[in-house]
Amino acid sequence: MKYLVVGLGNIGDEYAQTRHNVGFEVLEAIAKNNEAQFKDERYGAVTTYKFKSRQIVLLKPNTYVNLSGRAINYWMQKEKIPLSNVLVVVDDLALPFGSLRLKTKGGDAGHNGLKSIQSTLGTASYSRLRFGIGNEFSKGRQVDFVLGKWSDEEWSGLLERVKVVEDIVKAFVTIGAARTMSQYNNK
């Protein structure tokens, strides 16, 4: 059984360790914890590892966040992974920093990456793990905040929350989205 776990983010040094790249940061930590190495492939950096006889494909799209749907669609087709086995890790301004919410469907909440995925796949019924980045910015400064670097305090908190995200991924591939949501949401 194969699963595709996608971390949304933008390629390039100028985006490294920014709030918008939390999906990349999470996947890099998971890969490191599982001794998996990313390799540049078509539409993104990819690596795989096994967990309880399940193959997990990690994808960091190189299409920039706004065109993430293209990369996800390509890797779903290439690896023959059904939509029910796809999990997208995405930053979310509406959640307090470090909050995690797994959903199996929903709107894009104004997030261009989710808009791209929904448009490309033709559905909003796919699993996404929303990682709260907070909303500590003044009026009109949303873009600066989202593309801004993590504070030292946020960075250390992020690294702690990554462990929980990895547990969520393990649960998603073994017990499914519904049971994972009831086990981890609101914690």
C-alpha atoms as a PDB file:
ATOM      1  CA  MET A   1       0.000   0.000   0.000  1.00  0.00           C
ATOM      2  CA  LYS A   2       1.384   3.422  -1.025  1.00  0.00           C
ATOM      3  CA  TYR A   3       0.765   6.858   0.445  1.00  0.00           C
ATOM      4  CA  LEU A   4       1.733  10.304  -0.785  1.00  0.00           C
ATOM      5  CA  VAL A   5       2.536  12.901   1.865  1.00  0.00           C
ATOM      6  CA  VAL A   6       3.047  16.362   0.397  1.00  0.00           C
ATOM      7  CA  GLY A   7       4.546  19.346   2.194  1.00  0.00           C
ATOM      8  CA  LEU A   8       3.696  22.667   0.622  1.00  0.00           C
ATOM      9  CA  GLY A   9       6.383  25.314   0.339  1.00  0.00           C
ATOM     10  CA  ASN A  10       8.438  27.386  -2.061  1.00  0.00           C
ATOM     11  CA  ILE A  11      11.845  26.439  -3.416  1.00  0.00           C
ATOM     12  CA  GLY A  12      14.839  28.748  -3.046  1.00  0.00           C
ATOM     13  CA  ASP A  13      17.012  29.999  -0.221  1.00  0.00           C
ATOM     14  CA  GLU A  14      14.917  33.152   0.216  1.00  0.00           C
ATOM     15  CA  TYR A  15      11.973  30.976   1.367  1.00  0.00           C
ATOM     16  CA  ALA A  16      13.932  28.647   3.668  1.00  0.00           C
ATOM     17  CA  GLN A  17      12.653  28.634   7.245  1.00  0.00           C
ATOM     18  CA  THR A  18       9.672  30.858   6.452  1.00  0.00           C
ATOM     19  CA  ARG A  19       6.193  30.236   7.821  1.00  0.00           C
ATOM     20  CA  HIS A  20       4.853  29.471   4.338  1.00  0.00           C
ATOM     21  CA  ASN A  21       7.359  26.605   4.063  1.00  0.00           C
ATOM     22  CA  VAL A  22       6.205  24.719   7.132  1.00  0.00           C
ATOM     23  CA  GLY A  23       5.230  21.788   4.870  1.00  0.00           C
ATOM     24  CA  PHE A  24       8.817  21.513   3.611  1.00  0.00           C
ATOM     25  CA  GLU A  25      10.221  21.776   7.137  1.00  0.00           C
ATOM     26  CA  VAL A  26       7.945  19.014   8.402  1.00  0.00           C
ATOM     27  CA  LEU A  27       8.803  16.651   5.537  1.00  0.00           C
ATOM     28  CA  GLU A  28      12.534  17.285   5.880  1.00  0.00           C
ATOM     29  CA  ALA A  29      12.360  16.357   9.570  1.00  0.00           C
ATOM     30  CA  ILE A  30      10.314  13.218   8.857  1.00  0.00           C
ATOM     31  CA  ALA A  31      12.774  12.172   6.139  1.00  0.00           C
ATOM     32  CA  LYS A  32      15.719  12.719   8.474  1.00  0.00           C
ATOM     33  CA  ASN A  33      14.031  10.705  11.254  1.00  0.00           C
ATOM     34  CA  ASN A  34      13.536   7.837   8.792  1.00  0.00           C
ATOM     35  CA  GLU A  35      16.991   8.073   7.190  1.00  0.00           C
ATOM     36  CA  ALA A  36      15.473   8.985   3.835  1.00  0.00           C
ATOM     37  CA  GLN A  37      17.209  11.327   1.384  1.00  0.00           C
ATOM     38  CA  PHE A  38      15.340  13.656  -0.951  1.00  0.00           C
ATOM     39  CA  LYS A  39      16.246  13.513  -4.622  1.00  0.00           C
ATOM     40  CA  ASP A  40      15.267  16.115  -7.200  1.00  0.00           C
ATOM     41  CA  GLU A  41      12.785  14.558  -9.595  1.00  0.00           C
ATOM     42  CA  ARG A  42      10.131  15.853 -11.958  1.00  0.00           C
ATOM     43  CA  TYR A  43       7.920  18.411 -10.207  1.00  0.00           C
ATOM     44  CA  GLY A  44       9.701  18.148  -6.879  1.00  0.00           C
ATOM     45  CA  ALA A  45      12.071  16.617  -4.385  1.00  0.00           C
ATOM     46  CA  VAL A  46      10.985  13.082  -3.516  1.00  0.00           C
ATOM     47  CA  THR A  47      11.965  10.336  -1.115  1.00  0.00           C
ATOM     48  CA  THR A  48      10.330   7.178   0.167  1.00  0.00           C
ATOM     49  CA  TYR A  49      10.449   5.115   3.324  1.00  0.00           C
ATOM     50  CA  LYS A  50       8.504   2.215   4.776  1.00  0.00           C
ATOM     51  CA  PHE A  51       6.386   2.115   7.897  1.00  0.00           C
ATOM     52  CA  LYS A  52       4.563  -1.079   8.893  1.00  0.00           C
ATOM     53  CA  SER A  53       4.730  -2.487   5.347  1.00  0.00           C
ATOM     54  CA  ARG A  54       3.348   0.721   3.857  1.00  0.00           C
ATOM     55  CA  GLN A  55       5.399   2.750   1.406  1.00  0.00           C
ATOM     56  CA  ILE A  56       5.294   6.463   2.137  1.00  0.00           C
ATOM     57  CA  VAL A  57       6.305   8.821  -0.656  1.00  0.00           C
ATOM     58  CA  LEU A  58       7.294  12.276   0.599  1.00  0.00           C
ATOM     59  CA  LEU A  59       6.992  15.108  -1.934  1.00  0.00           C
ATOM     60  CA  LYS A  60       8.194  18.696  -1.717  1.00  0.00           C
ATOM     61  CA  PRO A  61       6.832  20.244  -4.932  1.00  0.00           C
ATOM     62  CA  ASN A  62       9.192  22.492  -6.898  1.00  0.00           C
ATOM     63  CA  THR A  63       6.259  24.216  -8.601  1.00  0.00           C
ATOM     64  CA  TYR A  64       5.975  26.868  -5.872  1.00  0.00           C
ATOM     65  CA  VAL A  65       2.940  26.792  -3.593  1.00  0.00           C
ATOM     66  CA  ASN A  66       0.586  28.376  -6.137  1.00  0.00           C
ATOM     67  CA  LEU A  67       0.952  25.461  -8.589  1.00  0.00           C
ATOM     68  CA  SER A  68       1.166  22.570  -6.115  1.00  0.00           C
ATOM     69  CA  GLY A  69      -1.735  20.721  -7.717  1.00  0.00           C
ATOM     70  CA  ARG A  70       0.340  19.965 -10.812  1.00  0.00           C
ATOM     71  CA  ALA A  71       3.041  18.172  -8.794  1.00  0.00           C
ATOM     72  CA  ILE A  72       0.547  16.243  -6.661  1.00  0.00           C
ATOM     73  CA  ASN A  73      -1.405  15.071  -9.680  1.00  0.00           C
ATOM     74  CA  TYR A  74       1.776  13.942 -11.451  1.00  0.00           C
ATOM     75  CA  TRP A  75       3.050  11.907  -8.475  1.00  0.00           C
ATOM     76  CA  MET A  76      -0.373  10.392  -7.773  1.00  0.00           C
ATOM     77  CA  GLN A  77      -0.435   9.120 -11.364  1.00  0.00           C
ATOM     78  CA  LYS A  78       3.215   8.054 -11.459  1.00  0.00           C
ATOM     79  CA  GLU A  79       3.031   6.103  -8.192  1.00  0.00           C
ATOM     80  CA  LYS A  80      -0.592   4.963  -8.731  1.00  0.00           C
ATOM     81  CA  ILE A  81      -1.693   6.413  -5.390  1.00  0.00           C
ATOM     82  CA  PRO A  82      -5.423   6.953  -4.865  1.00  0.00           C
ATOM     83  CA  LEU A  83      -6.663  10.307  -3.585  1.00  0.00           C
ATOM     84  CA  SER A  84      -7.717   8.658  -0.317  1.00  0.00           C
ATOM     85  CA  ASN A  85      -4.008   7.931   0.360  1.00  0.00           C
ATOM     86  CA  VAL A  86      -2.841  11.526  -0.132  1.00  0.00           C
ATOM     87  CA  LEU A  87      -2.079  13.846   2.784  1.00  0.00           C
ATOM     88  CA  VAL A  88      -1.098  17.494   2.241  1.00  0.00           C
ATOM     89  CA  VAL A  89       0.721  19.429   4.999  1.00  0.00           C
ATOM     90  CA  VAL A  90      -0.059  23.137   4.718  1.00  0.00           C
ATOM     91  CA  ASP A  91       0.436  26.345   6.700  1.00  0.00           C
ATOM     92  CA  ASP A  92      -2.690  27.946   8.164  1.00  0.00           C
ATOM     93  CA  LEU A  93      -3.053  31.535   9.382  1.00  0.00           C
ATOM     94  CA  ALA A  94      -6.421  30.842  11.025  1.00  0.00           C
ATOM     95  CA  LEU A  95      -4.915  28.491  13.602  1.00  0.00           C
ATOM     96  CA  PRO A  96      -2.745  29.499  16.555  1.00  0.00           C
ATOM     97  CA  PHE A  97       0.924  28.639  16.192  1.00  0.00           C
ATOM     98  CA  GLY A  98       1.556  24.897  16.480  1.00  0.00           C
ATOM     99  CA  SER A  99      -2.105  23.863  16.298  1.00  0.00           C
ATOM    100  CA  LEU A 100      -2.710  20.862  14.070  1.00  0.00           C
ATOM    101  CA  ARG A 101      -5.996  20.006  12.335  1.00  0.00           C
ATOM    102  CA  LEU A 102      -6.541  17.090  10.000  1.00  0.00           C
ATOM    103  CA  LYS A 103      -9.451  17.420   7.572  1.00  0.00           C
ATOM    104  CA  THR A 104     -10.596  15.157   4.757  1.00  0.00           C
ATOM    105  CA  LYS A 105     -12.362  17.880   2.787  1.00  0.00           C
ATOM    106  CA  GLY A 106     -13.060  21.568   2.855  1.00  0.00           C
ATOM    107  CA  GLY A 107     -12.465  24.859   1.158  1.00  0.00           C
ATOM    108  CA  ASP A 108      -9.164  26.481   0.358  1.00  0.00           C
ATOM    109  CA  ALA A 109      -9.497  29.205   3.048  1.00  0.00           C
ATOM    110  CA  GLY A 110      -7.816  31.612   0.630  1.00  0.00           C
ATOM    111  CA  HIS A 111      -4.659  29.486   0.437  1.00  0.00           C
ATOM    112  CA  ASN A 112      -3.325  29.484  -3.133  1.00  0.00           C
ATOM    113  CA  GLY A 113      -1.731  26.053  -2.766  1.00  0.00           C
ATOM    114  CA  LEU A 114      -5.045  24.498  -1.750  1.00  0.00           C
ATOM    115  CA  LYS A 115      -6.779  26.376  -4.595  1.00  0.00           C
ATOM    116  CA  SER A 116      -4.318  24.842  -7.051  1.00  0.00           C
ATOM    117  CA  ILE A 117      -4.814  21.345  -5.657  1.00  0.00           C
ATOM    118  CA  GLN A 118      -8.590  21.629  -5.731  1.00  0.00           C
ATOM    119  CA  SER A 119      -8.563  23.027  -9.258  1.00  0.00           C
ATOM    120  CA  THR A 120      -6.150  20.400 -10.618  1.00  0.00           C
ATOM    121  CA  LEU A 121      -7.723  17.398  -8.890  1.00  0.00           C
ATOM    122  CA  GLY A 122     -11.272  18.637  -9.454  1.00  0.00           C
ATOM    123  CA  THR A 123     -12.267  18.043  -5.836  1.00  0.00           C
ATOM    124  CA  ALA A 124     -11.896  19.462  -2.341  1.00  0.00           C
ATOM    125  CA  SER A 125     -12.191  15.965  -0.849  1.00  0.00           C
ATOM    126  CA  TYR A 126      -8.591  15.171  -0.005  1.00  0.00           C
ATOM    127  CA  SER A 127      -6.828  15.004   3.348  1.00  0.00           C
ATOM    128  CA  ARG A 128      -4.928  18.023   4.531  1.00  0.00           C
ATOM    129  CA  LEU A 129      -3.079  18.616   7.754  1.00  0.00           C
ATOM    130  CA  ARG A 130      -3.323  22.280   8.623  1.00  0.00           C
ATOM    131  CA  PHE A 131      -0.344  23.505  10.658  1.00  0.00           C
ATOM    132  CA  GLY A 132      -1.137  26.716  12.538  1.00  0.00           C
ATOM    133  CA  ILE A 133       1.365  29.506  11.974  1.00  0.00           C
ATOM    134  CA  GLY A 134      -0.610  32.112  13.925  1.00  0.00           C
ATOM    135  CA  ASN A 135      -1.655  35.540  12.764  1.00  0.00           C
ATOM    136  CA  GLU A 136       0.584  37.926  14.667  1.00  0.00           C
ATOM    137  CA  PHE A 137       0.765  40.637  12.037  1.00  0.00           C
ATOM    138  CA  SER A 138      -0.633  44.121  11.629  1.00  0.00           C
ATOM    139  CA  LYS A 139      -3.259  45.022   9.045  1.00  0.00           C
ATOM    140  CA  GLY A 140      -1.925  44.785   5.514  1.00  0.00           C
ATOM    141  CA  ARG A 141       1.185  42.805   6.542  1.00  0.00           C
ATOM    142  CA  GLN A 142      -0.105  39.272   5.938  1.00  0.00           C
ATOM    143  CA  VAL A 143       2.245  38.508   3.047  1.00  0.00           C
ATOM    144  CA  ASP A 144       5.264  39.748   5.010  1.00  0.00           C
ATOM    145  CA  PHE A 145       4.244  37.576   7.959  1.00  0.00           C
ATOM    146  CA  VAL A 146       3.627  34.425   5.908  1.00  0.00           C
ATOM    147  CA  LEU A 147       6.876  34.829   3.971  1.00  0.00           C
ATOM    148  CA  GLY A 148       8.756  35.935   7.098  1.00  0.00           C
ATOM    149  CA  LYS A 149      11.288  33.813   8.971  1.00  0.00           C
ATOM    150  CA  TRP A 150      10.342  31.972  12.143  1.00  0.00           C
ATOM    151  CA  SER A 151      11.397  33.580  15.411  1.00  0.00           C
ATOM    152  CA  ASP A 152      13.820  31.515  17.522  1.00  0.00           C
ATOM    153  CA  GLU A 153      10.978  30.660  19.904  1.00  0.00           C
ATOM    154  CA  GLU A 154       8.694  29.589  17.046  1.00  0.00           C
ATOM    155  CA  TRP A 155      11.484  27.520  15.476  1.00  0.00           C
ATOM    156  CA  SER A 156      12.066  25.478  18.633  1.00  0.00           C
ATOM    157  CA  GLY A 157       8.283  25.042  19.015  1.00  0.00           C
ATOM    158  CA  LEU A 158       8.049  23.966  15.390  1.00  0.00           C
ATOM    159  CA  LEU A 159      10.622  21.235  15.891  1.00  0.00           C
ATOM    160  CA  GLU A 160       8.614  19.885  18.844  1.00  0.00           C
ATOM    161  CA  ARG A 161       5.360  19.873  16.848  1.00  0.00           C
ATOM    162  CA  VAL A 162       7.048  17.987  13.990  1.00  0.00           C
ATOM    163  CA  LYS A 163       7.163  14.920  16.232  1.00  0.00           C
ATOM    164  CA  VAL A 164       3.373  15.092  16.548  1.00  0.00           C
ATOM    165  CA  VAL A 165       3.011  15.529  12.777  1.00  0.00           C
ATOM    166  CA  GLU A 166       5.090  12.395  12.240  1.00  0.00           C
ATOM    167  CA  ASP A 167       2.778  10.521  14.629  1.00  0.00           C
ATOM    168  CA  ILE A 168      -0.219  11.828  12.659  1.00  0.00           C
ATOM    169  CA  VAL A 169       1.332  10.577   9.403  1.00  0.00           C
ATOM    170  CA  LYS A 170       1.913   7.146  10.963  1.00  0.00           C
ATOM    171  CA  ALA A 171      -1.684   7.026  12.178  1.00  0.00           C
ATOM    172  CA  PHE A 172      -3.030   8.234   8.813  1.00  0.00           C
ATOM    173  CA  VAL A 173      -1.328   5.375   6.953  1.00  0.00           C
ATOM    174  CA  THR A 174      -2.263   2.688   9.496  1.00  0.00           C
ATOM    175  CA  ILE A 175      -5.700   3.535  10.951  1.00  0.00           C
ATOM    176  CA  GLY A 176      -7.049   5.954   8.336  1.00  0.00           C
ATOM    177  CA  ALA A 177      -8.060   9.599   8.291  1.00  0.00           C
ATOM    178  CA  ALA A 178     -11.260   9.376  10.358  1.00  0.00           C
ATOM    179  CA  ARG A 179      -9.688   7.622  13.336  1.00  0.00           C
ATOM    180  CA  THR A 180      -6.602   9.836  13.094  1.00  0.00           C
ATOM    181  CA  MET A 181      -8.785  12.953  13.239  1.00  0.00           C
ATOM    182  CA  SER A 182     -10.586  11.759  16.366  1.00  0.00           C
ATOM    183  CA  GLN A 183      -7.282  10.818  17.989  1.00  0.00           C
ATOM    184  CA  TYR A 184      -5.297  13.993  17.199  1.00  0.00           C
ATOM    185  CA  ASN A 185      -7.561  16.939  16.400  1.00  0.00           C
ATOM    186  CA  ASN A 186      -8.003  19.457  19.232  1.00  0.00           C
ATOM    187  CA  LYS A 187      -4.814  18.298  20.969  1.00  0.00           C
END
